[in-house]
């Protein structure tokens, strides 16, 4: 049995190693840089979508030309110069974290160069008017910044590459959603379940610092305001809330399955055309999204936060047409991702879930619309990502919904359970496909997802 810790000796060990403290300072400095990178990314993305809105407002027909042309250009440029920047960004970080991924191959998925390319490509997608998010890409952006710190650390440091990737990815979530606690939970639930004991506190500090950078930039405010649910009882939400959870699980699982079916390359004419002419296919997807945008006055494109805020702040949801927004937003998000433009699903998922909650509230004539909208956001995000605790924490922090903690958790768990019956976990399955590509010779400018072999329908792993 070991004796009690020697306080003085431990203090001398901690304070006497100057290089150790320098390494810690480097990590914290890079955490600040990661937070600043996400803040800059957020401002650029918002400005890009504002540019699209201005163009659409000046010429209603402009998206029919602008969106497919810019979509094709982004896909061509990404495939040619930064194939590792394609997709959401979360699967790339998971692939870089996988023990099977060789150290030499990690820059294909996470690096400072890919972070810059990701920022430019996602901003371009929002300028094109696609239905994509910036939160998932922020994971890859911040991870690339944090990974760059490795070159300045001491060779004998206890801080591993894996820990930098976990801290960077989680910092991206913390800064993108302005929710430091959400970043920590995301690190535990999705990115990693094991950190080195000696440096876990430093990594958590890096996540919190990155989140605080966003809080300093945008204010310590809930993104969507506060959900007024103080007087809502469990019994009042029981029936409608259960319906929201089931619907969110079904639709979220469907979207996840559609995404996997699209990117695994099924033997149908659409996937065959995408493999043969990816740039032209991207233009077609962009045109369909542009048609949806023109018919709906631009409500179905972009991240969708403005529509979500309007739903939460308008109790009657008078401007919301049941089922129309939810269905078209889901289609636009799927096509935007299938086109091959870098972009995430976190933001659109929150928007689709908000629409779903508003649908249930409107169809059942429930007086608790904002509460059901928050449940829909939480349930749909949990269903798509299959990370229920992360979804609950993010929605709780973004809506100041602390009075709904138990309801949000129950909805997230049920929606995630239903989604698992329909689809395999989206991000981990796409990571399997990317690891499959490591065993194949490079094909020039083809991105990782287009080179991946189809998944085995039973095992969920790539055939050997």
Protein backbone atom coordinates (compact mmCIF):
# COMPACT_ATOMS: atom_id res chain seq x y z
CA UNK A 1 0.00 0.00 0.00
CA UNK A 2 1.37 3.37 -1.01
CA UNK A 3 1.92 6.05 1.61
CA UNK A 4 0.32 9.46 1.72
CA UNK A 5 1.45 11.99 -0.91
CA UNK A 6 4.45 14.10 0.05
CA UNK A 7 3.11 17.61 -0.43
CA UNK A 8 6.45 19.42 -0.33
CA UNK A 9 8.14 16.98 -2.69
CA UNK A 10 5.24 17.11 -5.12
CA UNK A 11 5.28 20.91 -4.96
CA UNK A 12 9.01 20.98 -5.74
CA UNK A 13 8.47 18.57 -8.66
CA UNK A 14 5.68 20.71 -10.08
CA UNK A 15 7.36 24.08 -9.65
CA UNK A 16 10.89 22.99 -10.48
CA UNK A 17 10.20 21.77 -14.02
CA UNK A 18 10.15 24.96 -16.06
CA UNK A 19 9.74 23.14 -19.38
CA UNK A 20 6.57 21.46 -18.13
CA UNK A 21 5.04 24.82 -17.34
CA UNK A 22 6.10 26.15 -20.73
CA UNK A 23 4.31 23.22 -22.40
CA UNK A 24 1.18 23.99 -20.42
CA UNK A 25 1.38 27.65 -21.40
CA UNK A 26 1.71 26.66 -25.07
CA UNK A 27 -1.40 24.48 -24.86
CA UNK A 28 -3.43 27.25 -23.23
CA UNK A 29 -2.16 29.76 -25.80
CA UNK A 30 -3.24 27.48 -28.62
CA UNK A 31 -6.61 27.00 -26.91
CA UNK A 32 -7.05 30.77 -27.12
CA UNK A 33 -6.06 30.66 -30.80
CA UNK A 34 -8.54 27.83 -31.40
CA UNK A 35 -11.30 29.88 -29.80
CA UNK A 36 -10.35 32.92 -31.88
CA UNK A 37 -10.31 30.80 -35.03
CA UNK A 38 -13.87 29.63 -34.36
CA UNK A 39 -15.00 33.16 -33.52
CA UNK A 40 -13.51 34.41 -36.81
CA UNK A 41 -15.09 31.46 -38.61
CA UNK A 42 -18.49 32.34 -37.11
CA UNK A 43 -18.26 35.99 -38.17
CA UNK A 44 -17.13 35.05 -41.69
CA UNK A 45 -19.90 32.47 -42.04
CA UNK A 46 -22.56 34.95 -40.90
CA UNK A 47 -21.20 37.59 -43.29
CA UNK A 48 -21.19 35.09 -46.16
CA UNK A 49 -24.83 34.13 -45.63
CA UNK A 50 -25.69 37.80 -45.27
CA UNK A 51 -24.16 38.33 -48.71
CA UNK A 52 -26.36 35.58 -50.13
CA UNK A 53 -29.45 37.10 -48.54
CA UNK A 54 -28.59 40.48 -50.05
CA UNK A 55 -28.17 38.93 -53.49
CA UNK A 56 -31.45 37.03 -53.21
CA UNK A 57 -33.21 40.17 -52.03
CA UNK A 58 -31.94 42.17 -55.00
CA UNK A 59 -32.71 39.53 -57.66
CA UNK A 60 -35.17 36.80 -56.67
CA UNK A 61 -34.02 34.54 -59.51
CA UNK A 62 -30.28 34.91 -58.82
CA UNK A 63 -30.01 31.77 -56.62
CA UNK A 64 -31.09 29.63 -59.59
CA UNK A 65 -27.80 30.54 -61.27
CA UNK A 66 -25.58 31.54 -58.38
CA UNK A 67 -26.16 28.55 -56.08
CA UNK A 68 -25.42 25.71 -58.56
CA UNK A 69 -22.44 27.55 -60.05
CA UNK A 70 -20.78 28.31 -56.71
CA UNK A 71 -21.60 24.83 -55.38
CA UNK A 72 -19.84 23.23 -58.33
CA UNK A 73 -16.84 25.54 -57.91
CA UNK A 74 -16.48 24.71 -54.20
CA UNK A 75 -16.69 20.96 -54.81
CA UNK A 76 -14.13 21.16 -57.63
CA UNK A 77 -11.71 23.24 -55.55
CA UNK A 78 -12.12 21.03 -52.46
CA UNK A 79 -11.51 17.82 -54.41
CA UNK A 80 -8.48 19.31 -56.12
CA UNK A 81 -6.68 21.08 -53.27
CA UNK A 82 -8.14 19.96 -49.92
CA UNK A 83 -10.01 16.62 -50.12
CA UNK A 84 -9.59 16.17 -46.37
CA UNK A 85 -11.78 19.25 -45.78
CA UNK A 86 -14.85 17.61 -47.34
CA UNK A 87 -17.81 16.62 -45.20
CA UNK A 88 -18.72 17.59 -41.67
CA UNK A 89 -15.33 17.55 -39.94
CA UNK A 90 -16.29 15.32 -37.00
CA UNK A 91 -15.54 12.05 -38.87
CA UNK A 92 -12.11 13.41 -39.83
CA UNK A 93 -11.25 14.09 -36.19
CA UNK A 94 -12.50 10.65 -35.17
CA UNK A 95 -10.34 9.09 -37.88
CA UNK A 96 -7.28 11.03 -36.74
CA UNK A 97 -7.99 9.83 -33.19
CA UNK A 98 -8.30 6.17 -34.18
CA UNK A 99 -5.32 4.06 -33.02
CA UNK A 100 -5.30 2.34 -36.43
CA UNK A 101 -4.54 5.62 -38.21
CA UNK A 102 -0.78 5.99 -38.79
CA UNK A 103 0.82 9.19 -37.51
CA UNK A 104 1.95 10.04 -41.03
CA UNK A 105 -1.66 9.84 -42.29
CA UNK A 106 -3.20 12.19 -39.71
CA UNK A 107 -2.49 15.38 -41.72
CA UNK A 108 -4.84 13.98 -44.38
CA UNK A 109 -7.70 14.51 -41.91
CA UNK A 110 -6.64 17.22 -39.44
CA UNK A 111 -4.07 19.99 -39.94
CA UNK A 112 -3.78 23.75 -39.83
CA UNK A 113 -3.92 23.88 -43.64
CA UNK A 114 -7.17 21.89 -43.67
CA UNK A 115 -8.59 24.18 -40.99
CA UNK A 116 -8.05 27.20 -43.25
CA UNK A 117 -9.51 25.34 -46.22
CA UNK A 118 -12.51 24.29 -44.15
CA UNK A 119 -13.24 27.86 -43.10
CA UNK A 120 -13.11 29.08 -46.69
CA UNK A 121 -15.20 26.21 -48.08
CA UNK A 122 -17.98 26.41 -45.47
CA UNK A 123 -18.18 30.20 -45.84
CA UNK A 124 -18.41 29.63 -49.59
CA UNK A 125 -21.24 27.13 -49.10
CA UNK A 126 -23.21 29.64 -47.04
CA UNK A 127 -22.50 32.32 -49.63
CA UNK A 128 -23.94 29.91 -52.19
CA UNK A 129 -27.10 29.58 -50.10
CA UNK A 130 -26.83 25.93 -49.12
CA UNK A 131 -28.36 24.38 -46.00
CA UNK A 132 -25.22 23.62 -44.03
CA UNK A 133 -23.90 24.33 -40.54
CA UNK A 134 -20.61 25.64 -39.19
CA UNK A 135 -20.59 23.88 -35.80
CA UNK A 136 -19.45 20.45 -37.03
CA UNK A 137 -16.71 22.01 -39.19
CA UNK A 138 -15.61 24.01 -36.14
CA UNK A 139 -14.58 20.68 -34.59
CA UNK A 140 -12.07 20.06 -37.39
CA UNK A 141 -10.98 23.71 -37.48
CA UNK A 142 -10.17 23.90 -33.78
CA UNK A 143 -8.59 20.42 -33.77
CA UNK A 144 -6.24 21.49 -36.57
CA UNK A 145 -5.20 24.58 -34.61
CA UNK A 146 -4.60 22.60 -31.41
CA UNK A 147 -2.68 19.87 -33.22
CA UNK A 148 -0.26 22.52 -34.49
CA UNK A 149 0.85 23.05 -30.87
CA UNK A 150 2.58 19.66 -30.94
CA UNK A 151 5.56 21.01 -32.85
CA UNK A 152 6.38 23.44 -30.03
CA UNK A 153 6.06 21.00 -27.12
CA UNK A 154 8.96 19.30 -25.40
CA UNK A 155 9.87 15.83 -26.76
CA UNK A 156 9.41 14.40 -23.26
CA UNK A 157 6.02 16.02 -22.64
CA UNK A 158 3.12 13.99 -21.23
CA UNK A 159 0.73 15.76 -23.61
CA UNK A 160 -0.07 13.40 -26.47
CA UNK A 161 -1.30 14.07 -29.98
CA UNK A 162 -4.53 12.30 -29.11
CA UNK A 163 -5.21 14.66 -26.21
CA UNK A 164 -4.59 17.71 -28.36
CA UNK A 165 -7.05 16.40 -30.93
CA UNK A 166 -9.69 15.70 -28.29
CA UNK A 167 -9.20 19.12 -26.69
CA UNK A 168 -9.30 20.85 -30.07
CA UNK A 169 -12.42 19.07 -31.29
CA UNK A 170 -14.28 19.72 -28.06
CA UNK A 171 -13.07 23.32 -28.02
CA UNK A 172 -14.63 23.73 -31.46
CA UNK A 173 -18.03 22.71 -30.09
CA UNK A 174 -17.62 24.88 -27.00
CA UNK A 175 -16.75 27.96 -29.03
CA UNK A 176 -19.18 27.36 -31.90
CA UNK A 177 -22.23 26.94 -29.63
CA UNK A 178 -20.98 29.33 -26.93
CA UNK A 179 -21.40 26.40 -24.51
CA UNK A 180 -18.18 25.40 -22.67
CA UNK A 181 -19.95 22.61 -20.75
CA UNK A 182 -21.27 21.19 -24.02
CA UNK A 183 -17.71 20.98 -25.33
CA UNK A 184 -16.55 19.01 -22.32
CA UNK A 185 -19.43 16.55 -22.59
CA UNK A 186 -18.81 16.18 -26.34
CA UNK A 187 -15.19 15.30 -25.60
CA UNK A 188 -16.26 12.57 -23.21
CA UNK A 189 -19.23 11.19 -25.15
CA UNK A 190 -18.07 11.35 -28.76
CA UNK A 191 -14.36 11.98 -29.10
CA UNK A 192 -12.70 10.09 -26.27
CA UNK A 193 -13.49 8.17 -23.12
CA UNK A 194 -9.94 8.01 -21.85
CA UNK A 195 -7.50 10.83 -21.17
CA UNK A 196 -4.18 10.57 -19.42
CA UNK A 197 -4.65 11.25 -15.71
CA UNK A 198 -1.79 13.74 -15.51
CA UNK A 199 -2.98 15.94 -18.37
CA UNK A 200 -6.77 15.54 -18.33
CA UNK A 201 -7.13 18.69 -16.22
CA UNK A 202 -5.02 20.66 -18.69
CA UNK A 203 -7.12 19.44 -21.61
CA UNK A 204 -10.37 20.38 -19.85
CA UNK A 205 -8.87 23.79 -19.09
CA UNK A 206 -8.05 24.21 -22.79
CA UNK A 207 -11.66 23.40 -23.72
CA UNK A 208 -13.03 25.88 -21.20
CA UNK A 209 -10.59 28.61 -22.31
CA UNK A 210 -11.68 28.21 -25.96
CA UNK A 211 -15.30 28.41 -24.91
CA UNK A 212 -14.63 31.50 -22.83
CA UNK A 213 -13.09 33.19 -25.87
CA UNK A 214 -16.44 32.82 -27.63
CA UNK A 215 -18.29 34.00 -24.53
CA UNK A 216 -16.04 37.09 -24.44
CA UNK A 217 -16.70 37.78 -28.13
CA UNK A 218 -20.45 37.17 -28.25
CA UNK A 219 -21.48 37.71 -24.64
CA UNK A 220 -22.55 35.31 -21.92
CA UNK A 221 -26.05 35.03 -23.30
CA UNK A 222 -28.18 32.06 -24.33
CA UNK A 223 -28.09 31.87 -28.13
CA UNK A 224 -31.84 31.34 -28.52
CA UNK A 225 -32.94 33.27 -25.45
CA UNK A 226 -34.81 31.61 -22.59
CA UNK A 227 -37.50 28.96 -22.92
CA UNK A 228 -40.40 29.92 -20.68
CA UNK A 229 -41.19 26.54 -19.19
CA UNK A 230 -41.25 27.26 -15.46
CA UNK A 231 -44.95 26.52 -15.16
CA UNK A 232 -45.01 23.50 -17.44
CA UNK A 233 -45.62 20.23 -15.64
CA UNK A 234 -44.40 16.80 -16.62
CA UNK A 235 -47.98 15.72 -17.25
CA UNK A 236 -48.63 18.61 -19.63
CA UNK A 237 -45.63 17.59 -21.76
CA UNK A 238 -46.03 13.83 -21.42
CA UNK A 239 -48.16 13.14 -24.51
CA UNK A 240 -46.87 15.87 -26.88
CA UNK A 241 -43.31 15.39 -25.64
CA UNK A 242 -43.44 11.66 -26.31
CA UNK A 243 -44.71 12.35 -29.83
CA UNK A 244 -41.88 14.85 -30.42
CA UNK A 245 -39.28 12.34 -29.21
CA UNK A 246 -40.60 9.54 -31.42
CA UNK A 247 -40.91 11.78 -34.48
CA UNK A 248 -37.44 13.24 -33.90
CA UNK A 249 -35.97 9.74 -33.59
CA UNK A 250 -37.64 8.56 -36.79
CA UNK A 251 -36.76 11.63 -38.89
CA UNK A 252 -33.28 11.97 -37.42
CA UNK A 253 -32.58 8.30 -38.03
CA UNK A 254 -33.92 8.67 -41.57
CA UNK A 255 -31.63 11.63 -42.29
CA UNK A 256 -28.64 9.76 -40.87
CA UNK A 257 -29.47 6.72 -42.99
CA UNK A 258 -29.90 8.86 -46.10
CA UNK A 259 -26.51 10.46 -45.48
CA UNK A 260 -24.79 7.10 -45.08
CA UNK A 261 -26.57 5.58 -48.08
CA UNK A 262 -25.56 8.55 -50.22
CA UNK A 263 -21.90 8.56 -49.26
CA UNK A 264 -21.32 4.81 -49.23
CA UNK A 265 -22.07 4.72 -52.94
CA UNK A 266 -25.11 2.53 -53.46
CA UNK A 267 -25.56 0.91 -56.91
CA UNK A 268 -28.17 3.37 -58.14
CA UNK A 269 -28.06 5.85 -61.01
CA UNK A 270 -27.69 8.89 -58.77
CA UNK A 271 -24.67 7.56 -56.88
CA UNK A 272 -23.20 6.29 -60.15
CA UNK A 273 -23.56 9.76 -61.68
CA UNK A 274 -22.00 11.32 -58.55
CA UNK A 275 -18.99 9.02 -58.85
CA UNK A 276 -18.60 9.71 -62.57
CA UNK A 277 -19.29 13.47 -62.60
CA UNK A 278 -19.05 14.81 -59.02
CA UNK A 279 -18.85 18.48 -60.00
CA UNK A 280 -21.87 18.30 -62.30
CA UNK A 281 -23.76 16.35 -59.64
CA UNK A 282 -22.96 19.10 -57.14
CA UNK A 283 -24.40 21.68 -59.54
CA UNK A 284 -27.63 19.67 -59.84
CA UNK A 285 -27.95 19.43 -56.05
CA UNK A 286 -27.27 23.15 -55.77
CA UNK A 287 -29.99 23.90 -58.33
CA UNK A 288 -32.59 21.87 -56.41
CA UNK A 289 -31.66 23.67 -53.19
CA UNK A 290 -31.95 26.99 -55.04
CA UNK A 291 -35.46 26.08 -56.23
CA UNK A 292 -36.45 25.30 -52.63
CA UNK A 293 -34.97 28.64 -51.53
CA UNK A 294 -36.86 30.59 -54.20
CA UNK A 295 -40.18 28.88 -53.44
CA UNK A 296 -39.85 29.44 -49.68
CA UNK A 297 -38.35 32.93 -49.68
CA UNK A 298 -35.01 31.63 -48.44
CA UNK A 299 -36.31 30.15 -45.16
CA UNK A 300 -34.96 26.64 -45.80
CA UNK A 301 -31.32 27.50 -46.47
CA UNK A 302 -28.39 28.55 -44.33
CA UNK A 303 -27.87 27.25 -40.81
CA UNK A 304 -31.48 28.00 -39.86
CA UNK A 305 -30.88 29.83 -36.57
CA UNK A 306 -33.02 32.83 -37.53
CA UNK A 307 -36.09 30.67 -38.14
CA UNK A 308 -35.47 28.81 -34.89
CA UNK A 309 -35.22 32.06 -32.92
CA UNK A 310 -38.45 33.28 -34.52
CA UNK A 311 -40.24 30.07 -33.53
CA UNK A 312 -39.06 30.27 -29.92
CA UNK A 313 -39.94 33.94 -29.59
CA UNK A 314 -43.39 33.72 -31.22
CA UNK A 315 -45.65 31.62 -29.00
CA UNK A 316 -48.35 31.20 -31.64
CA UNK A 317 -45.85 30.30 -34.38
CA UNK A 318 -48.26 32.03 -36.77
CA UNK A 319 -45.68 32.22 -39.54
CA UNK A 320 -44.88 28.51 -39.39
CA UNK A 321 -46.61 26.11 -41.79
CA UNK A 322 -46.78 22.64 -40.20
CA UNK A 323 -44.67 19.94 -41.89
CA UNK A 324 -43.61 22.19 -44.79
CA UNK A 325 -40.54 23.75 -43.17
CA UNK A 326 -39.47 20.51 -41.48
CA UNK A 327 -39.67 18.43 -44.64
CA UNK A 328 -38.08 20.92 -47.02
CA UNK A 329 -35.32 21.84 -44.57
CA UNK A 330 -34.46 18.15 -44.20
CA UNK A 331 -34.33 17.69 -47.99
CA UNK A 332 -32.25 20.84 -48.49
CA UNK A 333 -29.78 19.76 -45.77
CA UNK A 334 -29.44 16.28 -47.22
CA UNK A 335 -28.86 17.56 -50.77
CA UNK A 336 -26.37 20.18 -49.58
CA UNK A 337 -24.30 17.48 -47.88
CA UNK A 338 -24.69 15.00 -50.73
CA UNK A 339 -23.37 17.63 -53.13
CA UNK A 340 -19.98 17.29 -51.43
CA UNK A 341 -19.66 20.84 -50.10
CA UNK A 342 -17.94 20.97 -46.68
CA UNK A 343 -20.53 21.69 -44.04
CA UNK A 344 -22.03 20.36 -40.85
CA UNK A 345 -25.36 19.03 -39.61
CA UNK A 346 -25.46 20.37 -36.05
CA UNK A 347 -27.03 23.71 -36.97
CA UNK A 348 -29.54 22.38 -39.54
CA UNK A 349 -30.47 19.58 -37.13
CA UNK A 350 -31.39 22.11 -34.45
CA UNK A 351 -33.45 24.01 -37.01
CA UNK A 352 -35.25 20.89 -38.27
CA UNK A 353 -35.93 19.79 -34.70
CA UNK A 354 -37.35 23.21 -33.86
CA UNK A 355 -39.67 22.95 -36.85
CA UNK A 356 -40.74 19.49 -35.75
CA UNK A 357 -41.55 20.69 -32.24
CA UNK A 358 -43.54 23.59 -33.68
CA UNK A 359 -45.41 21.14 -35.94
CA UNK A 360 -46.52 19.05 -32.97
CA UNK A 361 -47.48 22.12 -30.96
CA UNK A 362 -49.53 23.49 -33.86
CA UNK A 363 -51.23 20.21 -34.78
CA UNK A 364 -52.13 19.40 -31.15
CA UNK A 365 -52.94 23.06 -30.35
CA UNK A 366 -50.62 22.87 -27.35
CA UNK A 367 -50.07 26.05 -25.33
CA UNK A 368 -46.50 24.92 -24.58
CA UNK A 369 -45.00 25.62 -27.99
CA UNK A 370 -41.55 26.89 -26.89
CA UNK A 371 -41.04 23.87 -24.60
CA UNK A 372 -41.95 21.44 -27.39
CA UNK A 373 -39.65 23.32 -29.80
CA UNK A 374 -36.75 22.91 -27.35
CA UNK A 375 -37.57 19.20 -27.02
CA UNK A 376 -37.62 18.88 -30.81
CA UNK A 377 -34.21 20.55 -31.10
CA UNK A 378 -32.75 18.24 -28.47
CA UNK A 379 -34.38 15.08 -29.84
CA UNK A 380 -33.47 15.62 -33.47
CA UNK A 381 -29.86 16.55 -32.69
CA UNK A 382 -29.56 13.48 -30.46
CA UNK A 383 -31.06 11.28 -33.19
CA UNK A 384 -28.71 12.47 -35.93
CA UNK A 385 -25.52 12.47 -33.87
CA UNK A 386 -26.55 9.68 -31.45
CA UNK A 387 -24.90 11.61 -28.61
CA UNK A 388 -27.90 12.28 -26.33
CA UNK A 389 -26.04 13.81 -23.39
CA UNK A 390 -24.21 16.27 -25.64
CA UNK A 391 -27.47 17.20 -27.37
CA UNK A 392 -29.21 17.79 -24.04
CA UNK A 393 -26.40 19.97 -22.67
CA UNK A 394 -26.11 22.03 -25.87
CA UNK A 395 -29.84 22.74 -26.12
CA UNK A 396 -30.10 23.43 -22.39
CA UNK A 397 -27.27 25.99 -22.54
CA UNK A 398 -28.44 27.57 -25.80
CA UNK A 399 -32.02 28.06 -24.56
CA UNK A 400 -31.35 28.57 -20.84
CA UNK A 401 -33.64 25.59 -20.35
CA UNK A 402 -32.41 24.49 -16.92
CA UNK A 403 -35.98 23.98 -15.76
CA UNK A 404 -36.39 21.35 -18.50
CA UNK A 405 -33.33 19.23 -17.76
CA UNK A 406 -35.22 15.99 -17.08
CA UNK A 407 -37.57 16.48 -20.04
CA UNK A 408 -34.67 17.25 -22.39
CA UNK A 409 -32.73 14.22 -21.20
CA UNK A 410 -35.69 11.88 -21.57
CA UNK A 411 -36.40 13.20 -25.07
CA UNK A 412 -32.75 12.89 -26.13
CA UNK A 413 -32.42 9.33 -24.85
CA UNK A 414 -35.65 8.16 -26.49
CA UNK A 415 -34.92 9.86 -29.82
CA UNK A 416 -31.40 8.42 -29.88
CA UNK A 417 -32.75 4.93 -29.10
CA UNK A 418 -35.28 5.13 -31.94
CA UNK A 419 -32.63 6.43 -34.35
CA UNK A 420 -30.31 3.52 -33.51
CA UNK A 421 -33.03 1.14 -34.71
CA UNK A 422 -33.01 2.87 -38.10
CA UNK A 423 -29.42 3.90 -38.77
CA UNK A 424 -25.89 3.25 -37.61
CA UNK A 425 -24.10 6.12 -35.83
CA UNK A 426 -23.39 8.67 -38.55
CA UNK A 427 -20.00 10.04 -37.57
CA UNK A 428 -18.35 6.82 -36.42
CA UNK A 429 -19.57 4.96 -39.50
CA UNK A 430 -18.20 7.63 -41.82
CA UNK A 431 -14.94 7.45 -39.89
CA UNK A 432 -14.82 3.71 -40.69
CA UNK A 433 -15.13 4.59 -44.37
CA UNK A 434 -12.27 7.05 -44.13
CA UNK A 435 -10.06 4.49 -42.41
CA UNK A 436 -10.97 2.09 -45.21
CA UNK A 437 -9.52 4.62 -47.67
CA UNK A 438 -6.16 4.48 -45.88
CA UNK A 439 -5.68 0.93 -47.13
CA UNK A 440 -6.18 2.04 -50.74
CA UNK A 441 -3.69 3.89 -52.97
CA UNK A 442 -4.42 7.62 -53.41
CA UNK A 443 -6.63 8.49 -56.37
CA UNK A 444 -5.46 12.00 -57.05
CA UNK A 445 -8.13 14.51 -56.25
CA UNK A 446 -10.88 12.14 -55.11
CA UNK A 447 -12.08 12.84 -51.56
CA UNK A 448 -12.04 10.20 -48.89
CA UNK A 449 -15.78 9.62 -48.82
CA UNK A 450 -15.98 9.02 -52.58
CA UNK A 451 -13.20 6.43 -52.47
CA UNK A 452 -14.75 4.43 -49.67
CA UNK A 453 -16.20 1.01 -50.33
CA UNK A 454 -19.83 0.34 -49.38
CA UNK A 455 -20.49 -0.80 -45.85
CA UNK A 456 -21.52 -4.32 -45.14
CA UNK A 457 -25.26 -4.13 -44.41
CA UNK A 458 -25.04 -6.32 -41.31
CA UNK A 459 -21.78 -5.51 -39.62
CA UNK A 460 -21.48 -1.81 -40.38
CA UNK A 461 -17.82 -2.22 -41.34
CA UNK A 462 -16.15 -1.90 -44.71
CA UNK A 463 -15.66 -5.23 -46.53
CA UNK A 464 -12.15 -6.48 -46.74
